[in-house]
Amino acid sequence: MKKVDLKLLDTVAVLKDVPQKRVVFGQVGTIVEKLADGVFEVEFADKFGETIAGFAVSQQDLMLVHYEMEFSE
């Protein structure tokens, strides 16, 4: 998988189950803080916008989600 630079407020999907936090593979969250190189605080919410969980996630366990195609020239 191509490595991308993640930043604050990026929408990401988690690439592993985290049952103790009630988060499953593929669940979408938002980066709310950069804690260290390659480690981010990600907040996960339900379809009503209520927070399910927020916790530190390693960049290797995240995938950037795109809503529109971005082309670079």
Protein backbone atom coordinates (compact mmCIF):
# COMPACT_ATOMS: atom_id res chain seq x y z
CA MET A 1 0.00 0.00 0.00
CA LYS A 2 1.27 3.46 -0.90
CA LYS A 3 2.28 5.54 2.13
CA VAL A 4 0.54 8.92 2.33
CA ASP A 5 1.09 11.78 4.72
CA LEU A 6 -1.84 12.02 7.10
CA LYS A 7 -2.81 15.31 8.68
CA LEU A 8 -5.24 16.86 11.13
CA LEU A 9 -8.93 16.41 10.17
CA ASP A 10 -8.24 13.75 7.52
CA THR A 11 -10.93 11.10 7.23
CA VAL A 12 -9.46 7.63 7.72
CA ALA A 13 -10.55 4.01 8.01
CA VAL A 14 -9.03 1.69 10.58
CA LEU A 15 -7.40 -1.48 9.24
CA LYS A 16 -7.96 -3.73 12.26
CA ASP A 17 -10.63 -4.57 14.80
CA VAL A 18 -10.34 -2.83 18.17
CA PRO A 19 -13.11 -4.60 20.11
CA GLN A 20 -12.26 -3.06 23.48
CA LYS A 21 -13.09 0.35 21.91
CA ARG A 22 -16.15 -0.95 19.94
CA VAL A 23 -14.41 -0.19 16.61
CA VAL A 24 -14.19 -2.66 13.73
CA PHE A 25 -12.07 -3.05 10.60
CA GLY A 26 -13.06 -0.44 8.02
CA GLN A 27 -14.76 1.90 10.47
CA VAL A 28 -14.33 5.54 9.49
CA GLY A 29 -12.94 8.18 11.83
CA THR A 30 -11.34 11.62 11.86
CA ILE A 31 -7.78 12.49 12.87
CA VAL A 32 -8.10 15.00 15.71
CA GLU A 33 -4.48 15.16 16.92
CA LYS A 34 -0.98 14.12 15.91
CA LEU A 35 0.54 12.50 19.00
CA ALA A 36 3.96 11.52 17.61
CA ASP A 37 5.55 10.60 14.30
CA GLY A 38 3.20 8.03 12.80
CA VAL A 39 0.72 8.07 15.72
CA PHE A 40 -2.61 9.89 15.63
CA GLU A 41 -5.58 10.42 17.92
CA VAL A 42 -8.59 9.32 15.87
CA GLU A 43 -12.20 9.95 16.84
CA PHE A 44 -14.84 7.48 15.68
CA ALA A 45 -18.52 8.46 15.64
CA ASP A 46 -21.82 6.77 14.83
CA LYS A 47 -24.17 7.82 12.00
CA PHE A 48 -25.74 10.41 14.33
CA GLY A 49 -22.40 12.07 15.07
CA GLU A 50 -22.17 10.72 18.61
CA THR A 51 -18.63 9.75 19.61
CA ILE A 52 -18.09 5.99 19.92
CA ALA A 53 -14.41 6.20 20.86
CA GLY A 54 -11.26 8.24 20.51
CA PHE A 55 -7.83 6.68 20.85
CA ALA A 56 -4.27 6.57 19.52
CA VAL A 57 -3.81 4.68 16.25
CA SER A 58 -0.57 3.94 14.41
CA GLN A 59 -0.41 5.23 10.84
CA GLN A 60 0.21 1.68 9.61
CA ASP A 61 -3.29 0.79 10.88
CA LEU A 62 -5.00 3.64 9.00
CA MET A 63 -6.05 4.23 5.40
CA LEU A 64 -6.88 7.70 4.04
CA VAL A 65 -10.46 7.87 2.73
CA HIS A 66 -11.20 9.93 -0.39
CA TYR A 67 -14.61 11.36 -1.23
CA GLU A 68 -13.50 12.80 -4.56
CA MET A 69 -10.71 11.97 -6.97
CA GLU A 70 -7.65 14.17 -6.56
CA PHE A 71 -5.39 14.53 -9.55
CA SER A 72 -1.90 15.95 -9.49
CA GLU A 73 -0.31 17.27 -12.63
